[in-house]
PDB file of N, CA and C in Angstrom:
ATOM      1  N   MET A   1      15.493 -12.171  -1.329  1.00  0.00           N
ATOM      2  CA  MET A   1      15.722 -10.994  -0.513  1.00  0.00           C
ATOM      3  C   MET A   1      16.511 -11.413   0.728  1.00  0.00           C
ATOM      4  N   PRO A   2      17.516 -10.671   1.088  1.00  0.00           N
ATOM      5  CA  PRO A   2      18.325 -10.996   2.279  1.00  0.00           C
ATOM      6  C   PRO A   2      17.509 -10.897   3.565  1.00  0.00           C
ATOM      7  N   THR A   3      17.942 -11.631   4.563  1.00  0.00           N
ATOM      8  CA  THR A   3      17.207 -11.634   5.825  1.00  0.00           C
ATOM      9  C   THR A   3      17.806 -10.698   6.864  1.00  0.00           C
ATOM     10  N   GLU A   4      19.085 -10.441   6.805  1.00  0.00           N
ATOM     11  CA  GLU A   4      19.749  -9.546   7.762  1.00  0.00           C
ATOM     12  C   GLU A   4      19.450  -8.086   7.417  1.00  0.00           C
ATOM     13  N   ASN A   5      19.307  -7.246   8.437  1.00  0.00           N
ATOM     14  CA  ASN A   5      19.015  -5.826   8.208  1.00  0.00           C
ATOM     15  C   ASN A   5      20.115  -5.146   7.403  1.00  0.00           C
ATOM     16  N   SER A   6      21.367  -5.446   7.717  1.00  0.00           N
ATOM     17  CA  SER A   6      22.475  -4.795   7.013  1.00  0.00           C
ATOM     18  C   SER A   6      22.502  -5.216   5.543  1.00  0.00           C
ATOM     19  N   GLU A   7      22.183  -6.477   5.271  1.00  0.00           N
ATOM     20  CA  GLU A   7      22.144  -6.945   3.879  1.00  0.00           C
ATOM     21  C   GLU A   7      20.993  -6.286   3.116  1.00  0.00           C
ATOM     22  N   ARG A   8      19.844  -6.179   3.778  1.00  0.00           N
ATOM     23  CA  ARG A   8      18.699  -5.535   3.133  1.00  0.00           C
ATOM     24  C   ARG A   8      18.991  -4.073   2.820  1.00  0.00           C
ATOM     25  N   ARG A   9      19.684  -3.419   3.720  1.00  0.00           N
ATOM     26  CA  ARG A   9      20.034  -2.012   3.509  1.00  0.00           C
ATOM     27  C   ARG A   9      20.954  -1.863   2.304  1.00  0.00           C
ATOM     28  N   ILE A  10      21.907  -2.784   2.164  1.00  0.00           N
ATOM     29  CA  ILE A  10      22.824  -2.741   1.024  1.00  0.00           C
ATOM     30  C   ILE A  10      22.059  -2.922  -0.279  1.00  0.00           C
ATOM     31  N   VAL A  11      21.136  -3.898  -0.312  1.00  0.00           N
ATOM     32  CA  VAL A  11      20.328  -4.130  -1.515  1.00  0.00           C
ATOM     33  C   VAL A  11      19.473  -2.904  -1.816  1.00  0.00           C
ATOM     34  N   TYR A  12      18.863  -2.326  -0.783  1.00  0.00           N
ATOM     35  CA  TYR A  12      18.034  -1.133  -0.939  1.00  0.00           C
ATOM     36  C   TYR A  12      18.837  -0.005  -1.580  1.00  0.00           C
ATOM     37  N   LEU A  13      20.020   0.283  -1.033  1.00  0.00           N
ATOM     38  CA  LEU A  13      20.836   1.382  -1.546  1.00  0.00           C
ATOM     39  C   LEU A  13      21.328   1.108  -2.968  1.00  0.00           C
ATOM     40  N   GLN A  14      21.670  -0.145  -3.254  1.00  0.00           N
ATOM     41  CA  GLN A  14      22.137  -0.487  -4.603  1.00  0.00           C
ATOM     42  C   GLN A  14      21.018  -0.318  -5.625  1.00  0.00           C
ATOM     43  N   ARG A  15      19.828  -0.802  -5.298  1.00  0.00           N
ATOM     44  CA  ARG A  15      18.690  -0.653  -6.221  1.00  0.00           C
ATOM     45  C   ARG A  15      18.351   0.817  -6.428  1.00  0.00           C
ATOM     46  N   LYS A  16      18.385   1.588  -5.366  1.00  0.00           N
ATOM     47  CA  LYS A  16      18.071   3.012  -5.475  1.00  0.00           C
ATOM     48  C   LYS A  16      19.111   3.717  -6.349  1.00  0.00           C
ATOM     49  N   LYS A  17      20.372   3.352  -6.184  1.00  0.00           N
ATOM     50  CA  LYS A  17      21.456   3.945  -6.974  1.00  0.00           C
ATOM     51  C   LYS A  17      21.305   3.597  -8.455  1.00  0.00           C
ATOM     52  N   ASP A  18      20.844   2.358  -8.735  1.00  0.00           N
ATOM     53  CA  ASP A  18      20.680   1.907 -10.115  1.00  0.00           C
ATOM     54  C   ASP A  18      19.419   2.449 -10.775  1.00  0.00           C
ATOM     55  N   GLY A  19      18.583   3.166 -10.030  1.00  0.00           N
ATOM     56  CA  GLY A  19      17.356   3.726 -10.592  1.00  0.00           C
ATOM     57  C   GLY A  19      16.216   2.733 -10.602  1.00  0.00           C
ATOM     58  N   CYS A  20      16.274   1.742  -9.737  1.00  0.00           N
ATOM     59  CA  CYS A  20      15.226   0.731  -9.628  1.00  0.00           C
ATOM     60  C   CYS A  20      14.393   0.987  -8.380  1.00  0.00           C
ATOM     61  N   CYS A  21      13.247   0.325  -8.332  1.00  0.00           N
ATOM     62  CA  CYS A  21      12.417   0.375  -7.139  1.00  0.00           C
ATOM     63  C   CYS A  21      13.144  -0.379  -6.029  1.00  0.00           C
ATOM     64  N   PRO A  22      13.354   0.233  -4.863  1.00  0.00           N
ATOM     65  CA  PRO A  22      14.080  -0.432  -3.781  1.00  0.00           C
ATOM     66  C   PRO A  22      13.387  -1.682  -3.247  1.00  0.00           C
ATOM     67  N   ARG A  23      12.077  -1.788  -3.419  1.00  0.00           N
ATOM     68  CA  ARG A  23      11.343  -2.926  -2.870  1.00  0.00           C
ATOM     69  C   ARG A  23      11.342  -4.116  -3.821  1.00  0.00           C
ATOM     70  N   CYS A  24      10.953  -3.902  -5.078  1.00  0.00           N
ATOM     71  CA  CYS A  24      10.802  -5.029  -6.001  1.00  0.00           C
ATOM     72  C   CYS A  24      11.929  -5.132  -7.020  1.00  0.00           C
ATOM     73  N   GLY A  25      12.668  -4.063  -7.248  1.00  0.00           N
ATOM     74  CA  GLY A  25      13.791  -4.099  -8.174  1.00  0.00           C
ATOM     75  C   GLY A  25      13.445  -3.788  -9.613  1.00  0.00           C
ATOM     76  N   ASN A  26      12.183  -3.451  -9.903  1.00  0.00           N
ATOM     77  CA  ASN A  26      11.796  -3.108 -11.269  1.00  0.00           C
ATOM     78  C   ASN A  26      12.371  -1.761 -11.659  1.00  0.00           C
ATOM     79  N   LYS A  27      12.724  -1.614 -12.934  1.00  0.00           N
ATOM     80  CA  LYS A  27      13.242  -0.347 -13.431  1.00  0.00           C
ATOM     81  C   LYS A  27      12.134   0.698 -13.416  1.00  0.00           C
ATOM     82  N   LYS A  28      12.511   1.925 -13.086  1.00  0.00           N
ATOM     83  CA  LYS A  28      11.565   3.044 -13.093  1.00  0.00           C
ATOM     84  C   LYS A  28      11.947   4.010 -14.197  1.00  0.00           C
ATOM     85  N   ARG A  29      10.975   4.826 -14.580  1.00  0.00           N
ATOM     86  CA  ARG A  29      11.278   5.888 -15.549  1.00  0.00           C
ATOM     87  C   ARG A  29      12.091   6.960 -14.851  1.00  0.00           C
ATOM     88  N   LYS A  30      12.958   7.613 -15.586  1.00  0.00           N
ATOM     89  CA  LYS A  30      13.800   8.652 -14.982  1.00  0.00           C
ATOM     90  C   LYS A  30      13.005   9.889 -14.602  1.00  0.00           C
ATOM     91  N   THR A  31      11.819  10.035 -15.179  1.00  0.00           N
ATOM     92  CA  THR A  31      11.010  11.210 -14.872  1.00  0.00           C
ATOM     93  C   THR A  31      10.230  11.049 -13.576  1.00  0.00           C
ATOM     94  N   GLU A  32      10.171   9.845 -13.009  1.00  0.00           N
ATOM     95  CA  GLU A  32       9.435   9.635 -11.760  1.00  0.00           C
ATOM     96  C   GLU A  32      10.164  10.300 -10.604  1.00  0.00           C
ATOM     97  N   LYS A  33       9.381  10.952  -9.752  1.00  0.00           N
ATOM     98  CA  LYS A  33       9.993  11.655  -8.629  1.00  0.00           C
ATOM     99  C   LYS A  33       9.993  10.823  -7.353  1.00  0.00           C
ATOM    100  N   PHE A  34       9.365   9.649  -7.376  1.00  0.00           N
ATOM    101  CA  PHE A  34       9.285   8.800  -6.193  1.00  0.00           C
ATOM    102  C   PHE A  34      10.343   7.703  -6.255  1.00  0.00           C
ATOM    103  N   SER A  35      10.754   7.211  -5.099  1.00  0.00           N
ATOM    104  CA  SER A  35      11.736   6.133  -5.035  1.00  0.00           C
ATOM    105  C   SER A  35      11.123   4.800  -5.428  1.00  0.00           C
ATOM    106  N   TYR A  36       9.856   4.587  -5.079  1.00  0.00           N
ATOM    107  CA  TYR A  36       9.204   3.309  -5.322  1.00  0.00           C
ATOM    108  C   TYR A  36       8.352   3.364  -6.577  1.00  0.00           C
ATOM    109  N   CYS A  37       8.150   2.210  -7.223  1.00  0.00           N
ATOM    110  CA  CYS A  37       7.315   2.134  -8.427  1.00  0.00           C
ATOM    111  C   CYS A  37       5.844   2.274  -8.026  1.00  0.00           C
ATOM    112  N   ASP A  38       4.980   2.437  -9.026  1.00  0.00           N
ATOM    113  CA  ASP A  38       3.562   2.651  -8.754  1.00  0.00           C
ATOM    114  C   ASP A  38       2.918   1.463  -8.039  1.00  0.00           C
ATOM    115  N   GLU A  39       3.295   0.247  -8.417  1.00  0.00           N
ATOM    116  CA  GLU A  39       2.706  -0.945  -7.791  1.00  0.00           C
ATOM    117  C   GLU A  39       3.073  -1.029  -6.309  1.00  0.00           C
ATOM    118  N   CYS A  40       4.343  -0.756  -5.991  1.00  0.00           N
ATOM    119  CA  CYS A  40       4.775  -0.804  -4.586  1.00  0.00           C
ATOM    120  C   CYS A  40       4.144   0.322  -3.782  1.00  0.00           C
ATOM    121  N   ARG A  41       4.010   1.497  -4.373  1.00  0.00           N
ATOM    122  CA  ARG A  41       3.370   2.601  -3.671  1.00  0.00           C
ATOM    123  C   ARG A  41       1.903   2.278  -3.391  1.00  0.00           C
ATOM    124  N   GLU A  42       1.227   1.636  -4.341  1.00  0.00           N
ATOM    125  CA  GLU A  42      -0.159   1.234  -4.140  1.00  0.00           C
ATOM    126  C   GLU A  42      -0.256   0.182  -3.024  1.00  0.00           C
ATOM    127  N   PHE A  43       0.702  -0.745  -2.986  1.00  0.00           N
ATOM    128  CA  PHE A  43       0.738  -1.743  -1.922  1.00  0.00           C
ATOM    129  C   PHE A  43       0.863  -1.063  -0.560  1.00  0.00           C
ATOM    130  N   PHE A  44       1.786  -0.103  -0.442  1.00  0.00           N
ATOM    131  CA  PHE A  44       1.982   0.599   0.829  1.00  0.00           C
ATOM    132  C   PHE A  44       0.723   1.365   1.230  1.00  0.00           C
ATOM    133  N   ARG A  45       0.079   2.007   0.254  1.00  0.00           N
ATOM    134  CA  ARG A  45      -1.135   2.768   0.548  1.00  0.00           C
ATOM    135  C   ARG A  45      -2.242   1.863   1.093  1.00  0.00           C
ATOM    136  N   SER A  46      -2.481   0.740   0.418  1.00  0.00           N
ATOM    137  CA  SER A  46      -3.560  -0.151   0.851  1.00  0.00           C
ATOM    138  C   SER A  46      -3.239  -0.766   2.209  1.00  0.00           C
ATOM    139  N   TYR A  47      -1.979  -1.083   2.439  1.00  0.00           N
ATOM    140  CA  TYR A  47      -1.570  -1.647   3.726  1.00  0.00           C
ATOM    141  C   TYR A  47      -1.807  -0.638   4.842  1.00  0.00           C
ATOM    142  N   GLN A  48      -1.419   0.620   4.620  1.00  0.00           N
ATOM    143  CA  GLN A  48      -1.605   1.654   5.634  1.00  0.00           C
ATOM    144  C   GLN A  48      -3.082   1.934   5.884  1.00  0.00           C
ATOM    145  N   LYS A  49      -3.906   1.887   4.845  1.00  0.00           N
ATOM    146  CA  LYS A  49      -5.340   2.111   5.027  1.00  0.00           C
ATOM    147  C   LYS A  49      -5.940   1.036   5.920  1.00  0.00           C
ATOM    148  N   GLY A  50      -5.534  -0.206   5.711  1.00  0.00           N
ATOM    149  CA  GLY A  50      -6.041  -1.298   6.532  1.00  0.00           C
ATOM    150  C   GLY A  50      -5.647  -1.142   7.986  1.00  0.00           C
ATOM    151  N   ILE A  51      -4.400  -0.795   8.221  1.00  0.00           N
ATOM    152  CA  ILE A  51      -3.917  -0.602   9.589  1.00  0.00           C
ATOM    153  C   ILE A  51      -4.632   0.571  10.237  1.00  0.00           C
ATOM    154  N   ALA A  52      -4.779   1.674   9.502  1.00  0.00           N
ATOM    155  CA  ALA A  52      -5.435   2.859  10.049  1.00  0.00           C
ATOM    156  C   ALA A  52      -6.884   2.554  10.406  1.00  0.00           C
ATOM    157  N   ARG A  53      -7.561   1.780   9.569  1.00  0.00           N
ATOM    158  CA  ARG A  53      -8.955   1.441   9.830  1.00  0.00           C
ATOM    159  C   ARG A  53      -9.067   0.647  11.139  1.00  0.00           C
ATOM    160  N   GLU A  54      -8.185  -0.326  11.323  1.00  0.00           N
ATOM    161  CA  GLU A  54      -8.204  -1.122  12.547  1.00  0.00           C
ATOM    162  C   GLU A  54      -7.898  -0.266  13.773  1.00  0.00           C
ATOM    163  N   GLU A  55      -6.900   0.597  13.679  1.00  0.00           N
ATOM    164  CA  GLU A  55      -6.541   1.454  14.806  1.00  0.00           C
ATOM    165  C   GLU A  55      -7.672   2.405  15.158  1.00  0.00           C
ATOM    166  N   ASN A  56      -8.358   2.942  14.158  1.00  0.00           N
ATOM    167  CA  ASN A  56      -9.468   3.853  14.423  1.00  0.00           C
ATOM    168  C   ASN A  56     -10.603   3.145  15.149  1.00  0.00           C
ATOM    169  N   GLU A  57     -10.867   1.897  14.781  1.00  0.00           N
ATOM    170  CA  GLU A  57     -11.916   1.151  15.462  1.00  0.00           C
ATOM    171  C   GLU A  57     -11.558   0.933  16.928  1.00  0.00           C
ATOM    172  N   VAL A  58     -10.301   0.603  17.194  1.00  0.00           N
ATOM    173  CA  VAL A  58      -9.852   0.394  18.574  1.00  0.00           C
ATOM    174  C   VAL A  58      -9.953   1.701  19.355  1.00  0.00           C
ATOM    175  N   ARG A  59      -9.535   2.798  18.761  1.00  0.00           N
ATOM    176  CA  ARG A  59      -9.599   4.099  19.446  1.00  0.00           C
ATOM    177  C   ARG A  59     -11.035   4.500  19.757  1.00  0.00           C
ATOM    178  N   LYS A  60     -11.942   4.290  18.799  1.00  0.00           N
ATOM    179  CA  LYS A  60     -13.343   4.647  19.019  1.00  0.00           C
ATOM    180  C   LYS A  60     -13.951   3.826  20.151  1.00  0.00           C
ATOM    181  N   GLU A  61     -13.632   2.529  20.160  1.00  0.00           N
ATOM    182  CA  GLU A  61     -14.150   1.674  21.226  1.00  0.00           C
ATOM    183  C   GLU A  61     -13.616   2.103  22.590  1.00  0.00           C
ATOM    184  N   ARG A  62     -12.318   2.423  22.680  1.00  0.00           N
ATOM    185  CA  ARG A  62     -11.731   2.870  23.941  1.00  0.00           C
ATOM    186  C   ARG A  62     -12.356   4.198  24.382  1.00  0.00           C
ATOM    187  N   TYR A  63     -12.573   5.128  23.440  1.00  0.00           N
ATOM    188  CA  TYR A  63     -13.189   6.416  23.738  1.00  0.00           C
ATOM    189  C   TYR A  63     -14.587   6.211  24.322  1.00  0.00           C
ATOM    190  N   ASP A  64     -15.391   5.375  23.659  1.00  0.00           N
ATOM    191  CA  ASP A  64     -16.757   5.132  24.134  1.00  0.00           C
ATOM    192  C   ASP A  64     -16.764   4.446  25.500  1.00  0.00           C
ATOM    193  N   GLN A  65     -15.860   3.487  25.700  1.00  0.00           N
ATOM    194  CA  GLN A  65     -15.794   2.787  26.974  1.00  0.00           C
ATOM    195  C   GLN A  65     -15.404   3.742  28.106  1.00  0.00           C
ATOM    196  N   ARG A  66     -14.459   4.607  27.863  1.00  0.00           N
ATOM    197  CA  ARG A  66     -14.040   5.565  28.892  1.00  0.00           C
ATOM    198  C   ARG A  66     -15.158   6.546  29.214  1.00  0.00           C
ATOM    199  N   LYS A  67     -15.900   6.978  28.202  1.00  0.00           N
ATOM    200  CA  LYS A  67     -17.024   7.887  28.464  1.00  0.00           C
ATOM    201  C   LYS A  67     -18.089   7.208  29.317  1.00  0.00           C
ATOM    202  N   ARG A  68     -18.364   5.928  29.011  1.00  0.00           N
ATOM    203  CA  ARG A  68     -19.358   5.188  29.794  1.00  0.00           C
ATOM    204  C   ARG A  68     -18.916   5.018  31.247  1.00  0.00           C
ATOM    205  N   ASN A  69     -17.610   4.872  31.475  1.00  0.00           N
ATOM    206  CA  ASN A  69     -17.071   4.672  32.820  1.00  0.00           C
ATOM    207  C   ASN A  69     -16.765   5.981  33.542  1.00  0.00           C
ATOM    208  N   ASN A  70     -17.184   7.102  32.975  1.00  0.00           N
ATOM    209  CA  ASN A  70     -16.969   8.421  33.565  1.00  0.00           C
ATOM    210  C   ASN A  70     -15.471   8.715  33.735  1.00  0.00           C
ATOM    211  N   GLN A  71     -14.710   8.434  32.678  1.00  0.00           N
ATOM    212  CA  GLN A  71     -13.283   8.721  32.637  1.00  0.00           C
ATOM    213  C   GLN A  71     -13.021   9.724  31.525  1.00  0.00           C
ATOM    214  N   CYS A  72     -11.873  10.393  31.621  1.00  0.00           N
ATOM    215  CA  CYS A  72     -11.452  11.265  30.534  1.00  0.00           C
ATOM    216  C   CYS A  72     -11.156  10.378  29.328  1.00  0.00           C
ATOM    217  N   PRO A  73     -11.760  10.649  28.168  1.00  0.00           N
ATOM    218  CA  PRO A  73     -11.548   9.796  27.007  1.00  0.00           C
ATOM    219  C   PRO A  73     -10.124   9.829  26.469  1.00  0.00           C
ATOM    220  N   ARG A  74      -9.371  10.863  26.786  1.00  0.00           N
ATOM    221  CA  ARG A  74      -8.008  10.975  26.257  1.00  0.00           C
ATOM    222  C   ARG A  74      -6.981  10.272  27.127  1.00  0.00           C
ATOM    223  N   CYS A  75      -7.000  10.553  28.432  1.00  0.00           N
ATOM    224  CA  CYS A  75      -5.946  10.006  29.300  1.00  0.00           C
ATOM    225  C   CYS A  75      -6.446   8.905  30.222  1.00  0.00           C
ATOM    226  N   GLY A  76      -7.753   8.781  30.439  1.00  0.00           N
ATOM    227  CA  GLY A  76      -8.301   7.710  31.255  1.00  0.00           C
ATOM    228  C   GLY A  76      -8.434   8.020  32.728  1.00  0.00           C
ATOM    229  N   ILE A  77      -8.150   9.264  33.145  1.00  0.00           N
ATOM    230  CA  ILE A  77      -8.290   9.644  34.553  1.00  0.00           C
ATOM    231  C   ILE A  77      -9.770   9.596  34.943  1.00  0.00           C
ATOM    232  N   LYS A  78     -10.047   9.047  36.106  1.00  0.00           N
ATOM    233  CA  LYS A  78     -11.421   8.970  36.594  1.00  0.00           C
ATOM    234  C   LYS A  78     -11.912  10.372  36.943  1.00  0.00           C
ATOM    235  N   LEU A  79     -13.079  10.735  36.439  1.00  0.00           N
ATOM    236  CA  LEU A  79     -13.666  12.052  36.681  1.00  0.00           C
ATOM    237  C   LEU A  79     -14.750  11.930  37.749  1.00  0.00           C
ATOM    238  N   GLY A  80     -14.966  13.011  38.472  1.00  0.00           N
ATOM    239  CA  GLY A  80     -16.011  13.016  39.489  1.00  0.00           C
ATOM    240  C   GLY A  80     -17.391  12.950  38.858  1.00  0.00           C
ATOM    241  N   LYS A  81     -18.372  12.536  39.661  1.00  0.00           N
ATOM    242  CA  LYS A  81     -19.742  12.396  39.139  1.00  0.00           C
ATOM    243  C   LYS A  81     -20.319  13.734  38.694  1.00  0.00           C
ATOM    244  N   ARG A  82     -19.936  14.811  39.376  1.00  0.00           N
ATOM    245  CA  ARG A  82     -20.493  16.126  39.050  1.00  0.00           C
ATOM    246  C   ARG A  82     -19.573  16.957  38.161  1.00  0.00           C
ATOM    247  N   TYR A  83     -18.552  16.350  37.633  1.00  0.00           N
ATOM    248  CA  TYR A  83     -17.624  17.083  36.763  1.00  0.00           C
ATOM    249  C   TYR A  83     -18.376  17.476  35.500  1.00  0.00           C
ATOM    250  N   PRO A  84     -18.383  18.770  35.135  1.00  0.00           N
ATOM    251  CA  PRO A  84     -19.247  19.244  34.052  1.00  0.00           C
ATOM    252  C   PRO A  84     -18.763  18.893  32.633  1.00  0.00           C
ATOM    253  N   ASN A  85     -17.474  18.688  32.452  1.00  0.00           N
ATOM    254  CA  ASN A  85     -16.945  18.452  31.107  1.00  0.00           C
ATOM    255  C   ASN A  85     -16.706  16.962  30.866  1.00  0.00           C
ATOM    256  N   ILE A  86     -16.519  16.615  29.611  1.00  0.00           N
ATOM    257  CA  ILE A  86     -16.202  15.232  29.256  1.00  0.00           C
ATOM    258  C   ILE A  86     -14.715  14.976  29.429  1.00  0.00           C
ATOM    259  N   ILE A  87     -13.897  15.993  29.136  1.00  0.00           N
ATOM    260  CA  ILE A  87     -12.439  15.865  29.166  1.00  0.00           C
ATOM    261  C   ILE A  87     -11.909  16.511  30.444  1.00  0.00           C
ATOM    262  N   CYS A  88     -10.865  15.923  31.038  1.00  0.00           N
ATOM    263  CA  CYS A  88     -10.296  16.458  32.283  1.00  0.00           C
ATOM    264  C   CYS A  88      -9.618  17.808  32.027  1.00  0.00           C
ATOM    265  N   THR A  89      -9.323  18.538  33.116  1.00  0.00           N
ATOM    266  CA  THR A  89      -8.757  19.878  32.984  1.00  0.00           C
ATOM    267  C   THR A  89      -7.359  19.856  32.366  1.00  0.00           C
ATOM    268  N   GLU A  90      -6.547  18.847  32.690  1.00  0.00           N
ATOM    269  CA  GLU A  90      -5.203  18.777  32.106  1.00  0.00           C
ATOM    270  C   GLU A  90      -5.262  18.618  30.590  1.00  0.00           C
ATOM    271  N   CYS A  91      -6.131  17.720  30.127  1.00  0.00           N
ATOM    272  CA  CYS A  91      -6.251  17.517  28.683  1.00  0.00           C
ATOM    273  C   CYS A  91      -6.854  18.746  27.996  1.00  0.00           C
ATOM    274  N   LEU A  92      -7.791  19.425  28.677  1.00  0.00           N
ATOM    275  CA  LEU A  92      -8.351  20.655  28.118  1.00  0.00           C
ATOM    276  C   LEU A  92      -7.283  21.732  27.971  1.00  0.00           C
ATOM    277  N   GLU A  93      -6.431  21.865  28.994  1.00  0.00           N
ATOM    278  CA  GLU A  93      -5.353  22.862  28.925  1.00  0.00           C
ATOM    279  C   GLU A  93      -4.386  22.544  27.797  1.00  0.00           C
ATOM    280  N   LYS A  94      -4.057  21.281  27.644  1.00  0.00           N
ATOM    281  CA  LYS A  94      -3.183  20.889  26.529  1.00  0.00           C
ATOM    282  C   LYS A  94      -3.814  21.255  25.198  1.00  0.00           C
ATOM    283  N   GLN A  95      -5.114  20.973  25.065  1.00  0.00           N
ATOM    284  CA  GLN A  95      -5.807  21.257  23.810  1.00  0.00           C
ATOM    285  C   GLN A  95      -5.883  22.759  23.554  1.00  0.00           C
ATOM    286  N   TYR A  96      -6.176  23.548  24.590  1.00  0.00           N
ATOM    287  CA  TYR A  96      -6.213  24.999  24.426  1.00  0.00           C
ATOM    288  C   TYR A  96      -4.839  25.531  24.027  1.00  0.00           C
ATOM    289  N   GLY A  97      -3.792  25.016  24.661  1.00  0.00           N
ATOM    290  CA  GLY A  97      -2.442  25.439  24.319  1.00  0.00           C
ATOM    291  C   GLY A  97      -2.090  25.094  22.883  1.00  0.00           C
ATOM    292  N   TYR A  98      -2.488  23.918  22.439  1.00  0.00           N
ATOM    293  CA  TYR A  98      -2.235  23.505  21.065  1.00  0.00           C
ATOM    294  C   TYR A  98      -2.980  24.417  20.090  1.00  0.00           C
ATOM    295  N   ASN A  99      -4.252  24.701  20.401  1.00  0.00           N
ATOM    296  CA  ASN A  99      -5.063  25.535  19.503  1.00  0.00           C
ATOM    297  C   ASN A  99      -4.530  26.963  19.424  1.00  0.00           C
ATOM    298  N   THR A 100      -4.138  27.537  20.561  1.00  0.00           N
ATOM    299  CA  THR A 100      -3.641  28.918  20.530  1.00  0.00           C
ATOM    300  C   THR A 100      -2.307  29.006  19.809  1.00  0.00           C
ATOM    301  N   ALA A 101      -1.455  27.995  19.964  1.00  0.00           N
ATOM    302  CA  ALA A 101      -0.189  27.997  19.236  1.00  0.00           C
ATOM    303  C   ALA A 101      -0.411  27.830  17.741  1.00  0.00           C
ATOM    304  N   LYS A 102      -1.406  27.062  17.400  1.00  0.00           N
ATOM    305  CA  LYS A 102      -1.727  26.833  15.995  1.00  0.00           C
ATOM    306  C   LYS A 102      -2.254  28.109  15.339  1.00  0.00           C
ATOM    307  N   THR A 103      -3.126  28.845  16.050  1.00  0.00           N
ATOM    308  CA  THR A 103      -3.659  30.084  15.480  1.00  0.00           C
ATOM    309  C   THR A 103      -2.597  31.181  15.471  1.00  0.00           C
ATOM    310  N   ALA A 104      -1.651  31.158  16.399  1.00  0.00           N
ATOM    311  CA  ALA A 104      -0.600  32.180  16.436  1.00  0.00           C
ATOM    312  C   ALA A 104       0.344  32.034  15.237  1.00  0.00           C
ATOM    313  N   ARG A 105       0.519  30.820  14.750  1.00  0.00           N
ATOM    314  CA  ARG A 105       1.401  30.592  13.597  1.00  0.00           C
ATOM    315  C   ARG A 105       0.808  31.149  12.312  1.00  0.00           C
ATOM    316  N   ARG A 106      -0.489  31.254  12.254  1.00  0.00           N
ATOM    317  CA  ARG A 106      -1.136  31.742  11.026  1.00  0.00           C
ATOM    318  C   ARG A 106      -0.921  33.188  10.905  1.00  0.00           C
TER     319      ARG A 106
END
């Protein structure tokens, strides 16, 4: 496999044009609607699951730490001791705006 980005792009486009999997170069059936073969797609899926699992653990830990420190879990702004909500007003407004726009589209 070439090491330069431009060379890799050329190989990718050539394999795709020839009806092969762009990653491994194996021939695909003409009836397949995906660019990559089943083995490469499975590799990508498992890789993404592993990354997502790690990122979720980091996010959960940061969320819990911010709550313990009396900070907004989303943006990290320090909240007052008597502040009634968990999330700051700016983040709440953003969330309300997102929710109302989402329901308006339906």
